[in-house]
Amino acid sequence: MVWLSALSGVLIAAMFIPASAFMITTGRSVSKDIVDLPLVVADTPNPQTTRILASNGQRIAYFYQENRQDIPLKNISPSMQDALVSIEDYRFFDHGALDLKGTMRALLNNASSNDGPQGGSTLTQQLVKLTLLQQAITKEQQAAAKEVSVERKIRELKIAIEFEEKLSKEEILERYLNIAYYGDGAYGVNAAAYHFFSVKPADLTVKQAATLAGLVQNPDRTNPRVYPERALQRRNTVLAVMAKLGKIDRAEAEKLSAEPLGLKFTKFPNGCVNSQASFSCDYIRRYLLADEDLGETVEQRKALLERGGLTVKSNIDLSMQDAVNKAVKQHVAPKDKAIGALALVEPGTGKVRALGQSRPMGNDKKKGETYLNYT
């Protein structure tokens, strides 16, 4: 209970003191070095997915560390916004960086209940934590971002207060929806909407929105692909909360709760291996990694390719690519000792239109696969 009293003192004090003069009074001593920590959250963009396109604009491949495409709040359905706020922080628009009622309720519950911890963080506090985790590069930074301590909570609260002073509630909500992880490789609501339901975020229905909003608390445990029954139960919890808050009526909540998840997956294959133009894709990747305009080092160029959200339109013609793939397969088998390779280059311009070879891309030697680009 000493920890509980200390943290309560910290949070109560934080309610009444601005960030510019942030002083903490608690039931135990708190390091002045921690209290005086600078607001070090850089305003850097989230990692974004890069698209490699053919000459006609069709997709050849994606490159990403995290499959994400940030979008403005106006392109996210009101149902999704309501569902997320309802389940994560229903008083979001009524409080500042700290919700004293919610925090004290969670503290009391956790001190007296054996049902597991109850979260008391506001949406803004959660955004701060996600942002710090996103920007943590070294092992030390990652450990500090995950550390369970009063000191870490104080630091996050300082930054949350700063966020509330600089950003509107709508901007905070937009950032949260875009940075949150929804599971199964989908980062941000845009990727999640397409991945789980194959729809634009603006077209998410109440049922779909409730499913996605329910995932952010524990995306691995409620992954709809792996644990559909858990995802369904969590979705129904969100629907019940929305009904309780008046976002939807109870009859609609009951009706939707009786329906299946209605999943319709869209895949976002990462890299060249699953592309119909795999070795043309590899040629483009190598070209970009050698382009000094994209960074001083190969590591910087690779980071830009996998995090920068680039759209790269190439000279590859997919109809020619199909013809190349077919021609190579007809004359040389994947496991032949000889290797067939074919490159189509446009006379006069030197534009590479298609590259193909008899050995498919991959690492299964029994199938004749290879990552060596013989073209």
Protein backbone atom coordinates (compact mmCIF):
# COMPACT_ATOMS: atom_id res chain seq x y z
CA MET A 1 0.00 0.00 0.00
CA VAL A 2 3.02 2.32 0.34
CA TRP A 3 3.43 2.31 -3.45
CA LEU A 4 -0.29 3.00 -3.87
CA SER A 5 -0.14 5.97 -1.51
CA ALA A 6 2.93 7.33 -3.21
CA LEU A 7 1.49 7.09 -6.69
CA SER A 8 -1.81 8.58 -5.53
CA GLY A 9 0.09 11.57 -4.18
CA VAL A 10 1.94 11.98 -7.45
CA LEU A 11 -1.21 11.86 -9.53
CA ILE A 12 -3.24 14.19 -7.32
CA ALA A 13 -0.44 16.73 -7.33
CA ALA A 14 -0.18 16.48 -11.11
CA MET A 15 -3.81 17.45 -11.52
CA PHE A 16 -3.26 20.95 -10.21
CA ILE A 17 0.25 21.90 -11.29
CA PRO A 18 1.17 22.89 -14.89
CA ALA A 19 3.99 21.19 -16.76
CA SER A 20 6.08 24.38 -16.75
CA ALA A 21 6.28 24.22 -12.97
CA PHE A 22 5.93 20.48 -12.42
CA MET A 23 6.74 19.66 -8.79
CA ILE A 24 5.79 16.41 -7.12
CA THR A 25 4.78 15.77 -3.53
CA THR A 26 4.43 12.13 -2.62
CA GLY A 27 4.34 9.81 0.35
CA ARG A 28 7.96 8.89 -0.40
CA SER A 29 10.91 10.71 -1.93
CA VAL A 30 11.13 10.92 -5.71
CA SER A 31 14.46 11.58 -7.38
CA LYS A 32 14.82 15.19 -8.50
CA ASP A 33 16.65 13.90 -11.57
CA ILE A 34 13.53 11.98 -12.58
CA VAL A 35 11.18 14.89 -11.93
CA ASP A 36 13.41 17.20 -13.98
CA LEU A 37 13.63 14.85 -16.96
CA PRO A 38 13.34 16.83 -20.20
CA LEU A 39 10.48 16.33 -22.61
CA VAL A 40 12.47 14.31 -25.10
CA VAL A 41 9.71 13.00 -27.35
CA ALA A 42 10.69 14.01 -30.85
CA ASP A 43 7.94 14.90 -33.30
CA THR A 44 8.99 12.23 -35.77
CA PRO A 45 6.59 10.42 -38.10
CA ASN A 46 5.52 6.84 -37.53
CA PRO A 47 7.18 4.19 -39.71
CA GLN A 48 5.22 3.93 -42.95
CA THR A 49 4.85 1.27 -45.64
CA THR A 50 6.66 1.81 -48.95
CA ARG A 51 4.94 0.76 -52.18
CA ILE A 52 6.79 -0.35 -55.32
CA LEU A 53 4.60 0.13 -58.40
CA ALA A 54 4.72 -1.04 -62.00
CA SER A 55 4.62 1.39 -64.91
CA ASN A 56 0.80 1.28 -64.94
CA GLY A 57 0.51 1.92 -61.20
CA GLN A 58 -0.20 -1.67 -60.16
CA ARG A 59 1.54 -2.84 -57.01
CA ILE A 60 4.67 -4.93 -57.33
CA ALA A 61 5.61 -5.13 -53.65
CA TYR A 62 5.50 -3.56 -50.19
CA PHE A 63 8.48 -2.85 -47.98
CA TYR A 64 8.03 -2.14 -44.28
CA GLN A 65 9.23 -2.66 -40.74
CA GLU A 66 5.69 -1.95 -39.56
CA ASN A 67 2.78 -2.15 -41.99
CA ARG A 68 1.24 1.29 -41.51
CA GLN A 69 -0.17 4.15 -43.57
CA ASP A 70 -1.13 7.15 -41.43
CA ILE A 71 -4.37 8.93 -42.35
CA PRO A 72 -6.17 12.06 -41.07
CA LEU A 73 -8.99 11.74 -38.55
CA LYS A 74 -11.53 12.91 -41.14
CA ASN A 75 -10.85 9.69 -43.08
CA ILE A 76 -11.69 7.48 -40.09
CA SER A 77 -15.33 6.57 -39.53
CA PRO A 78 -17.10 8.21 -36.56
CA SER A 79 -18.01 4.70 -35.40
CA MET A 80 -14.32 3.82 -35.11
CA GLN A 81 -13.61 6.98 -33.16
CA ASP A 82 -16.56 6.36 -30.83
CA ALA A 83 -15.64 2.71 -30.29
CA LEU A 84 -12.01 3.44 -29.44
CA VAL A 85 -12.80 6.28 -27.04
CA SER A 86 -15.63 4.32 -25.41
CA ILE A 87 -13.52 1.30 -24.51
CA GLU A 88 -10.17 2.99 -23.81
CA ASP A 89 -11.05 6.35 -22.21
CA TYR A 90 -14.73 7.30 -22.32
CA ARG A 91 -14.09 10.60 -20.47
CA PHE A 92 -11.35 11.55 -22.95
CA PHE A 93 -13.01 14.77 -24.09
CA ASP A 94 -13.82 15.85 -20.52
CA HIS A 95 -10.44 15.64 -18.76
CA GLY A 96 -6.84 16.68 -19.28
CA ALA A 97 -3.72 14.55 -19.33
CA LEU A 98 -4.87 12.75 -16.20
CA ASP A 99 -8.32 11.41 -15.35
CA LEU A 100 -8.29 11.46 -11.57
CA LYS A 101 -11.55 9.52 -11.26
CA GLY A 102 -10.42 6.77 -13.60
CA THR A 103 -6.96 6.56 -12.06
CA MET A 104 -8.20 6.34 -8.48
CA ARG A 105 -10.83 3.78 -9.49
CA ALA A 106 -8.13 1.63 -11.08
CA LEU A 107 -5.80 2.04 -8.11
CA LEU A 108 -8.47 1.00 -5.64
CA ASN A 109 -9.53 -1.93 -7.81
CA ASN A 110 -5.98 -3.18 -8.22
CA ALA A 111 -5.31 -2.88 -4.50
CA SER A 112 -8.40 -4.84 -3.48
CA SER A 113 -9.15 -7.21 -6.36
CA ASN A 114 -7.64 -10.50 -7.48
CA ASP A 115 -9.18 -10.20 -10.96
CA GLY A 116 -6.04 -8.77 -12.52
CA PRO A 117 -4.87 -5.19 -13.04
CA GLN A 118 -7.27 -2.54 -14.31
CA GLY A 119 -5.89 0.23 -16.48
CA GLY A 120 -6.24 3.84 -15.36
CA SER A 121 -4.21 5.61 -18.04
CA THR A 122 -5.87 8.19 -20.23
CA LEU A 123 -5.72 8.01 -24.00
CA THR A 124 -3.09 10.75 -23.92
CA GLN A 125 -0.96 8.82 -21.44
CA GLN A 126 -1.27 5.72 -23.60
CA LEU A 127 -0.21 7.75 -26.64
CA VAL A 128 2.87 8.94 -24.77
CA LYS A 129 3.84 5.39 -23.84
CA LEU A 130 3.32 4.13 -27.40
CA THR A 131 5.34 7.05 -28.76
CA LEU A 132 8.23 6.43 -26.37
CA LEU A 133 8.23 2.74 -27.29
CA GLN A 134 8.12 3.65 -30.97
CA GLN A 135 11.11 5.95 -30.66
CA ALA A 136 13.17 3.69 -28.38
CA ILE A 137 16.15 2.45 -30.39
CA THR A 138 18.70 1.11 -27.92
CA LYS A 139 18.03 -1.71 -25.46
CA GLU A 140 18.39 0.79 -22.62
CA GLN A 141 15.74 3.07 -24.13
CA GLN A 142 13.41 0.15 -24.70
CA ALA A 143 13.86 -1.03 -21.12
CA ALA A 144 13.24 2.48 -19.79
CA ALA A 145 10.05 2.79 -21.85
CA LYS A 146 8.72 -0.48 -20.40
CA GLU A 147 9.96 -0.07 -16.83
CA VAL A 148 7.28 -0.53 -14.18
CA SER A 149 7.97 2.34 -11.80
CA VAL A 150 6.52 5.50 -10.33
CA GLU A 151 9.36 7.43 -11.94
CA ARG A 152 8.40 6.29 -15.42
CA LYS A 153 4.77 7.21 -14.75
CA ILE A 154 5.84 10.69 -13.66
CA ARG A 155 7.89 11.19 -16.81
CA GLU A 156 5.04 9.98 -19.02
CA LEU A 157 2.61 12.26 -17.19
CA LYS A 158 4.86 15.26 -17.76
CA ILE A 159 4.90 14.53 -21.47
CA ALA A 160 1.14 13.87 -21.50
CA ILE A 161 0.52 17.30 -19.98
CA GLU A 162 2.71 18.80 -22.68
CA PHE A 163 0.73 16.93 -25.35
CA GLU A 164 -2.55 18.24 -23.96
CA GLU A 165 -1.21 21.80 -24.02
CA LYS A 166 0.09 21.62 -27.58
CA LEU A 167 -2.41 19.33 -29.33
CA SER A 168 -6.18 19.34 -29.67
CA LYS A 169 -8.16 16.32 -28.52
CA GLU A 170 -8.80 15.46 -32.16
CA GLU A 171 -5.07 15.54 -32.93
CA ILE A 172 -4.34 13.27 -29.96
CA LEU A 173 -7.04 10.82 -31.06
CA GLU A 174 -5.73 10.83 -34.63
CA ARG A 175 -2.20 10.10 -33.45
CA TYR A 176 -3.41 7.27 -31.21
CA LEU A 177 -5.44 5.60 -33.95
CA ASN A 178 -2.45 5.74 -36.28
CA ILE A 179 0.24 4.54 -33.87
CA ALA A 180 -1.67 1.74 -32.11
CA TYR A 181 -0.96 -1.90 -32.93
CA TYR A 182 -4.05 -3.95 -33.83
CA GLY A 183 -2.37 -7.33 -34.12
CA ASP A 184 -1.48 -9.77 -36.91
CA GLY A 185 1.05 -7.31 -38.34
CA ALA A 186 -1.39 -4.38 -38.71
CA TYR A 187 -0.12 -1.07 -37.34
CA GLY A 188 -2.53 1.85 -37.33
CA VAL A 189 -6.22 1.87 -38.12
CA ASN A 190 -5.75 2.16 -41.88
CA ALA A 191 -3.75 -1.07 -42.16
CA ALA A 192 -6.07 -2.76 -39.65
CA ALA A 193 -9.24 -1.87 -41.57
CA TYR A 194 -7.84 -3.24 -44.82
CA HIS A 195 -6.16 -6.26 -43.23
CA PHE A 196 -9.09 -7.56 -41.17
CA PHE A 197 -12.07 -6.35 -43.22
CA SER A 198 -10.74 -5.19 -46.63
CA VAL A 199 -12.47 -1.81 -46.28
CA LYS A 200 -11.40 1.80 -46.06
CA PRO A 201 -11.23 3.18 -42.50
CA ALA A 202 -13.93 5.68 -43.48
CA ASP A 203 -16.29 2.80 -44.28
CA LEU A 204 -15.89 0.82 -41.05
CA THR A 205 -19.25 -0.24 -39.64
CA VAL A 206 -20.10 -0.20 -35.94
CA LYS A 207 -19.47 -3.95 -35.72
CA GLN A 208 -16.12 -3.73 -37.49
CA ALA A 209 -15.07 -0.68 -35.48
CA ALA A 210 -15.92 -2.41 -32.21
CA THR A 211 -13.75 -5.36 -33.25
CA LEU A 212 -10.74 -3.18 -34.03
CA ALA A 213 -11.15 -1.01 -30.94
CA GLY A 214 -11.20 -4.12 -28.81
CA LEU A 215 -7.89 -5.35 -30.18
CA VAL A 216 -5.60 -2.54 -29.01
CA GLN A 217 -5.67 -3.56 -25.33
CA ASN A 218 -4.01 -6.92 -26.03
CA PRO A 219 -3.58 -7.45 -29.79
CA ASP A 220 -1.71 -10.74 -29.53
CA ARG A 221 -4.16 -12.36 -27.12
CA THR A 222 -7.22 -11.27 -29.14
CA ASN A 223 -5.79 -11.76 -32.64
CA PRO A 224 -8.93 -12.61 -34.69
CA ARG A 225 -6.99 -14.91 -37.00
CA VAL A 226 -5.63 -17.02 -34.14
CA TYR A 227 -8.22 -16.50 -31.39
CA PRO A 228 -11.52 -15.57 -33.08
CA GLU A 229 -13.57 -16.49 -29.99
CA ARG A 230 -11.55 -14.07 -27.84
CA ALA A 231 -11.86 -11.34 -30.45
CA LEU A 232 -15.62 -11.92 -30.58
CA GLN A 233 -15.95 -11.71 -26.81
CA ARG A 234 -13.88 -8.53 -26.71
CA ARG A 235 -15.89 -7.00 -29.57
CA ASN A 236 -19.11 -7.66 -27.67
CA THR A 237 -17.65 -5.98 -24.60
CA VAL A 238 -16.97 -2.88 -26.69
CA LEU A 239 -20.51 -2.94 -28.09
CA ALA A 240 -21.94 -3.20 -24.58
CA VAL A 241 -19.88 -0.23 -23.40
CA MET A 242 -20.93 1.82 -26.43
CA ALA A 243 -24.57 1.06 -25.65
CA LYS A 244 -24.10 1.99 -21.99
CA LEU A 245 -22.59 5.33 -23.03
CA GLY A 246 -25.37 6.01 -25.54
CA LYS A 247 -23.19 5.77 -28.65
CA ILE A 248 -25.51 3.05 -29.99
CA ASP A 249 -28.83 1.79 -28.65
CA ARG A 250 -29.05 -1.46 -26.71
CA ALA A 251 -31.12 -3.20 -29.38
CA GLU A 252 -28.40 -2.58 -31.97
CA ALA A 253 -25.71 -3.76 -29.56
CA GLU A 254 -27.60 -7.00 -28.88
CA LYS A 255 -28.21 -7.57 -32.58
CA LEU A 256 -24.58 -7.00 -33.54
CA SER A 257 -23.32 -9.11 -30.63
CA ALA A 258 -25.14 -12.11 -32.06
CA GLU A 259 -23.39 -11.77 -35.43
CA PRO A 260 -20.04 -13.31 -36.44
CA LEU A 261 -16.91 -11.20 -36.79
CA GLY A 262 -17.26 -11.08 -40.57
CA LEU A 263 -13.54 -11.07 -41.24
CA LYS A 264 -12.28 -10.57 -44.80
CA PHE A 265 -8.51 -10.54 -44.81
CA THR A 266 -6.27 -8.59 -47.16
CA LYS A 267 -2.61 -9.60 -47.22
CA PHE A 268 0.28 -7.15 -47.27
CA PRO A 269 3.25 -9.36 -48.26
CA ASN A 270 6.52 -7.80 -47.21
CA GLY A 271 9.38 -7.71 -49.70
CA CYS A 272 9.91 -9.28 -53.11
CA VAL A 273 9.54 -13.00 -52.48
CA ASN A 274 5.75 -13.14 -52.96
CA SER A 275 5.67 -10.75 -55.90
CA GLN A 276 4.83 -11.88 -59.43
CA ALA A 277 7.85 -9.80 -60.43
CA SER A 278 10.14 -11.00 -57.64
CA PHE A 279 13.49 -10.51 -59.36
CA SER A 280 12.42 -7.27 -61.03
CA CYS A 281 11.46 -6.16 -57.53
CA ASP A 282 14.87 -7.22 -56.25
CA TYR A 283 16.52 -5.19 -59.02
CA ILE A 284 14.54 -2.11 -57.94
CA ARG A 285 15.43 -2.69 -54.28
CA ARG A 286 19.14 -2.95 -55.09
CA TYR A 287 18.94 0.18 -57.25
CA LEU A 288 17.36 2.15 -54.40
CA LEU A 289 19.88 0.91 -51.84
CA ALA A 290 22.68 2.15 -54.11
CA ASP A 291 21.11 5.60 -54.63
CA GLU A 292 23.08 8.13 -52.56
CA ASP A 293 20.24 10.64 -52.85
CA LEU A 294 18.29 8.40 -50.45
CA GLY A 295 20.95 8.52 -47.72
CA GLU A 296 24.66 8.64 -47.07
CA THR A 297 24.89 4.97 -46.09
CA VAL A 298 23.21 1.74 -47.14
CA GLU A 299 21.74 1.49 -43.63
CA GLN A 300 20.10 4.92 -43.98
CA ARG A 301 18.70 4.06 -47.40
CA LYS A 302 17.36 0.74 -46.10
CA ALA A 303 15.70 2.53 -43.18
CA LEU A 304 14.07 4.99 -45.59
CA LEU A 305 12.88 2.17 -47.82
CA GLU A 306 11.36 0.24 -44.91
CA ARG A 307 10.08 3.17 -42.80
CA GLY A 308 9.69 6.14 -45.12
CA GLY A 309 6.37 5.40 -46.81
CA LEU A 310 7.81 5.94 -50.28
CA THR A 311 5.84 5.42 -53.47
CA VAL A 312 8.25 4.21 -56.16
CA LYS A 313 6.89 3.98 -59.70
CA SER A 314 9.12 1.76 -61.83
CA ASN A 315 9.43 0.98 -65.55
CA ILE A 316 8.42 -2.65 -65.02
CA ASP A 317 5.57 -3.77 -67.30
CA LEU A 318 3.60 -6.55 -65.62
CA SER A 319 2.22 -7.94 -68.87
CA MET A 320 5.79 -8.28 -70.16
CA GLN A 321 6.75 -9.73 -66.78
CA ASP A 322 4.13 -12.47 -67.14
CA ALA A 323 5.46 -13.27 -70.61
CA VAL A 324 9.04 -13.47 -69.29
CA ASN A 325 8.01 -15.74 -66.41
CA LYS A 326 6.15 -18.05 -68.79
CA ALA A 327 8.98 -18.18 -71.34
CA VAL A 328 11.63 -19.04 -68.76
CA LYS A 329 9.52 -21.78 -67.17
CA GLN A 330 8.83 -23.38 -70.56
CA HIS A 331 12.51 -23.85 -71.34
CA VAL A 332 14.34 -24.39 -68.03
CA ALA A 333 13.08 -26.23 -64.95
CA PRO A 334 13.76 -24.76 -61.48
CA LYS A 335 16.01 -27.68 -60.43
CA ASP A 336 17.97 -27.98 -63.67
CA LYS A 337 21.72 -27.57 -63.33
CA ALA A 338 21.54 -24.91 -66.00
CA ILE A 339 19.94 -21.60 -65.03
CA GLY A 340 17.75 -19.65 -67.41
CA ALA A 341 17.64 -15.86 -67.06
CA LEU A 342 15.89 -13.29 -69.23
CA ALA A 343 15.90 -9.49 -69.20
CA LEU A 344 13.67 -7.29 -71.35
CA VAL A 345 15.24 -3.88 -71.98
CA GLU A 346 13.49 -1.28 -74.13
CA PRO A 347 15.59 -0.31 -77.19
CA GLY A 348 16.49 3.35 -77.38
CA THR A 349 15.62 4.17 -73.77
CA GLY A 350 17.38 1.42 -71.85
CA LYS A 351 14.35 1.03 -69.58
CA VAL A 352 14.22 -2.34 -67.85
CA ARG A 353 10.75 -3.75 -68.51
CA ALA A 354 11.01 -7.20 -66.92
CA LEU A 355 13.48 -9.61 -65.36
CA GLY A 356 12.96 -13.31 -64.83
CA GLN A 357 14.82 -16.54 -64.18
CA SER A 358 14.18 -20.24 -63.96
CA ARG A 359 14.91 -20.54 -60.26
CA PRO A 360 12.14 -18.94 -58.18
CA MET A 361 12.87 -16.67 -55.25
CA GLY A 362 13.09 -18.37 -51.87
CA ASN A 363 15.33 -20.49 -49.67
CA ASP A 364 13.96 -24.00 -50.32
CA LYS A 365 16.80 -25.66 -52.23
CA LYS A 366 14.70 -28.79 -52.79
CA LYS A 367 12.43 -26.68 -54.99
CA GLY A 368 15.34 -25.00 -56.74
CA GLU A 369 14.71 -21.69 -55.00
CA THR A 370 17.35 -19.03 -54.54
CA TYR A 371 17.76 -15.39 -53.59
CA LEU A 372 20.55 -14.89 -56.11
CA ASN A 373 19.44 -12.61 -58.92
CA TYR A 374 21.11 -14.06 -62.03
CA THR A 375 19.68 -11.42 -64.35
